[in-house]
Protein backbone atom coordinates (compact mmCIF):
# COMPACT_ATOMS: atom_id res chain seq x y z
CA MET A 1 127.41 23.73 -49.77
CA SER A 2 126.08 21.82 -46.84
CA ASP A 3 122.41 21.98 -45.91
CA ASN A 4 121.22 21.48 -42.33
CA ASN A 5 118.57 18.97 -43.38
CA VAL A 6 120.82 16.88 -45.58
CA SER A 7 123.57 14.80 -44.10
CA GLU A 8 126.88 14.32 -45.65
CA PRO A 9 127.46 10.98 -47.31
CA GLY A 10 128.61 8.33 -44.81
CA LYS A 11 127.38 10.23 -41.76
CA THR A 12 124.19 9.43 -39.87
CA THR A 13 122.09 12.15 -38.39
CA VAL A 14 120.66 11.92 -34.94
CA ASN A 15 117.04 12.87 -34.49
CA TRP A 16 117.30 14.54 -31.08
CA GLU A 17 113.64 15.49 -31.07
CA LYS A 18 112.62 11.82 -30.91
CA TYR A 19 114.99 11.10 -27.98
CA THR A 20 113.88 14.22 -26.15
CA ALA A 21 110.23 13.23 -26.52
CA LEU A 22 110.89 9.65 -25.35
CA SER A 23 112.92 10.76 -22.34
CA SER A 24 110.23 13.31 -21.39
CA MET A 25 107.61 10.57 -21.58
CA LEU A 26 109.77 8.25 -19.44
CA VAL A 27 110.20 10.95 -16.79
CA ALA A 28 106.43 11.58 -16.80
CA VAL A 29 105.62 7.87 -16.38
CA CYS A 30 108.14 7.57 -13.51
CA ALA A 31 106.61 10.62 -11.81
CA LEU A 32 103.12 9.08 -12.16
CA VAL A 33 104.26 5.75 -10.68
CA ILE A 34 105.96 7.50 -7.76
CA SER A 35 102.85 9.63 -7.11
CA ILE A 36 100.60 6.54 -7.05
CA TRP A 37 103.01 4.72 -4.73
CA GLN A 38 103.22 7.73 -2.42
CA SER A 39 99.41 8.01 -2.25
CA TYR A 40 99.16 4.33 -1.35
CA SER A 41 101.83 4.72 1.35
CA ILE A 42 100.04 7.72 2.86
CA GLN A 43 96.76 5.81 2.93
CA GLN A 44 98.41 2.84 4.67
CA HIS A 45 100.01 5.21 7.18
CA ASN A 46 96.63 6.84 7.88
CA LYS A 47 95.01 3.44 8.43
CA LEU A 48 97.64 2.57 11.00
CA SER A 49 97.55 6.02 12.59
CA LEU A 50 93.77 6.12 12.91
CA ARG A 51 93.28 2.61 14.27
CA PRO A 52 90.87 2.40 17.22
CA TYR A 53 91.62 0.15 20.16
CA LEU A 54 88.78 -0.56 22.57
CA GLU A 55 89.75 -1.89 25.97
CA ALA A 56 87.81 -3.01 29.04
CA GLU A 57 88.53 -1.63 32.49
CA PHE A 58 87.19 -3.50 35.55
CA ASN A 59 87.16 -1.80 38.91
CA THR A 60 86.21 -3.66 42.06
CA SER A 61 86.32 -2.82 45.73
CA LEU A 62 86.57 -4.76 48.97
CA GLU A 63 83.11 -3.40 49.81
CA GLY A 64 81.62 -5.51 47.00
CA TYR A 65 80.84 -3.10 44.18
CA TRP A 66 82.17 -3.36 40.67
CA GLU A 67 82.12 -1.30 37.53
CA LEU A 68 83.07 -1.94 33.94
CA TYR A 69 84.19 0.76 31.53
CA ILE A 70 84.98 0.61 27.81
CA ASN A 71 87.88 2.88 26.80
CA ASN A 72 89.09 3.82 23.33
CA GLN A 73 92.87 3.74 23.72
CA GLY A 74 93.56 4.02 19.98
CA MET A 75 94.24 7.03 17.80
CA GLY A 76 91.05 6.76 15.75
CA PRO A 77 87.32 6.56 16.42
CA ALA A 78 85.48 3.23 16.71
CA GLN A 79 81.96 2.44 15.53
CA VAL A 80 80.44 -0.54 17.38
CA THR A 81 78.68 -2.77 14.83
CA SER A 82 77.63 -5.66 17.06
CA LEU A 83 77.15 -6.24 20.78
CA LYS A 84 76.60 -9.72 22.26
CA TYR A 85 76.00 -10.77 25.87
CA LYS A 86 76.72 -14.37 26.90
CA VAL A 87 76.39 -16.28 30.17
CA ASP A 88 77.72 -19.84 30.32
CA GLY A 89 77.89 -19.83 26.51
CA LYS A 90 74.23 -18.87 26.01
CA LEU A 91 73.52 -15.69 24.02
CA TYR A 92 71.21 -13.03 25.48
CA GLN A 93 69.64 -10.23 23.46
CA ASN A 94 69.81 -7.40 25.96
CA ARG A 95 71.46 -6.22 29.14
CA ASP A 96 68.58 -7.06 31.49
CA GLU A 97 68.30 -10.68 30.30
CA PHE A 98 72.08 -10.95 30.61
CA LEU A 99 72.07 -9.69 34.23
CA ILE A 100 69.15 -11.95 35.20
CA ALA A 101 71.03 -14.96 33.75
CA LEU A 102 73.98 -13.99 35.97
CA GLY A 103 71.63 -13.99 38.96
CA GLU A 104 71.73 -10.21 39.27
CA ASP A 105 68.90 -7.72 39.66
CA PRO A 106 69.00 -5.31 36.67
CA GLU A 107 67.74 -2.53 38.97
CA CYS A 108 71.02 -2.76 40.93
CA TYR A 109 73.08 -1.56 37.97
CA SER A 110 73.45 1.67 36.09
CA THR A 111 74.52 1.23 32.51
CA GLY A 112 75.79 3.31 29.67
CA ASN A 113 75.31 2.86 25.96
CA ILE A 114 78.28 0.69 24.99
CA GLY A 115 76.98 -0.11 21.51
CA ARG A 116 77.85 3.28 20.08
CA PHE A 117 80.50 5.46 18.44
CA TYR A 118 83.70 5.99 20.48
CA LYS A 119 85.79 9.09 19.96
CA ILE A 120 89.51 9.14 20.60
CA ALA A 121 90.27 8.77 24.34
CA ASP A 122 86.56 8.22 25.00
CA ARG A 123 85.40 6.32 28.09
CA GLN A 124 81.93 4.86 28.55
CA ILE A 125 80.51 3.07 31.57
CA ALA A 126 79.11 -0.37 30.75
CA PHE A 127 77.94 -1.48 34.23
CA ARG A 128 78.16 -0.09 37.76
CA THR A 129 76.53 -1.27 40.98
CA LEU A 130 74.24 1.44 42.30
CA ASN A 131 74.00 1.04 46.04
CA ALA A 132 75.21 -0.94 49.06
CA SER A 133 72.24 -3.34 48.99
CA CYS A 134 73.50 -4.61 45.61
CA TYR A 135 77.10 -5.19 46.69
CA LYS A 136 78.42 -8.75 46.83
CA PRO A 137 81.43 -10.39 48.44
CA LEU A 138 84.51 -10.48 46.21
CA GLU A 139 84.36 -14.28 45.73
CA GLN A 140 80.73 -14.11 44.58
CA MET A 141 81.54 -11.25 42.17
CA GLU A 142 84.48 -13.18 40.71
CA ALA A 143 82.28 -16.28 40.26
CA SER A 144 79.69 -14.22 38.36
CA LEU A 145 82.31 -12.51 36.21
CA SER A 146 83.89 -15.86 35.29
CA ARG A 147 80.57 -17.03 33.78
CA MET A 148 79.99 -13.99 31.58
CA GLN A 149 81.24 -12.73 28.27
CA ILE A 150 80.53 -9.50 26.37
CA VAL A 151 81.64 -9.27 22.75
CA LEU A 152 81.87 -5.92 20.97
CA GLU A 153 82.63 -5.89 17.27
CA TYR A 154 83.68 -2.51 15.93
CA GLN A 155 85.10 -0.80 12.86
CA SER A 156 87.60 1.92 12.10
CA LEU A 157 86.97 4.85 9.78
CA TYR A 158 88.42 2.72 6.99
CA GLY A 159 85.99 -0.17 7.60
CA GLU A 160 88.55 -2.49 9.22
CA SER A 161 86.84 -4.83 11.68
CA TYR A 162 88.01 -5.54 15.23
CA ARG A 163 86.66 -7.40 18.25
CA LEU A 164 86.79 -6.78 21.99
CA VAL A 165 86.01 -9.81 24.15
CA ILE A 166 85.30 -9.07 27.80
CA GLY A 167 85.13 -11.94 30.21
CA ASP A 168 86.04 -15.59 30.24
CA GLN A 169 86.93 -17.04 26.83
CA ASP A 170 85.64 -20.45 27.96
CA ALA A 171 82.24 -18.91 28.77
CA ALA A 172 81.69 -18.39 25.05
CA GLY A 173 80.64 -22.02 24.65
């Protein structure tokens, strides 16, 4: 006498299909939110993991020569976007003008291309004295180095900007 579609008087029927559909939709929305959050977390991790870190390395000797290297000590590549040379706070457009302003002969120095792309663990020479006729006493070298500043601005793969300042901060003017 009882029909599956008709409820007995005084009893309420539960529509399980509606609850099943709603719970399935809730699970799907939660899975979507977790997937988006996980993607964001992975991207943040990659940004931190692939961060470049350029660093200057000065080498001097008692004989009067000096050399400057730029090293990428980070875990990601660096693209130099700007390179500025300053002496006593005055900006110079190129390496030769910069060396002349320091009182140096540009022919006494070999140089590398420091305004470039740095791979991981890459090392590039910036300046190096070439021969003994160009060597200076340590005090004179230190006086020249205290007047100079080289500023490299660079970016990571993700477009984050960084700056390496080589030399005296007060020389920036």
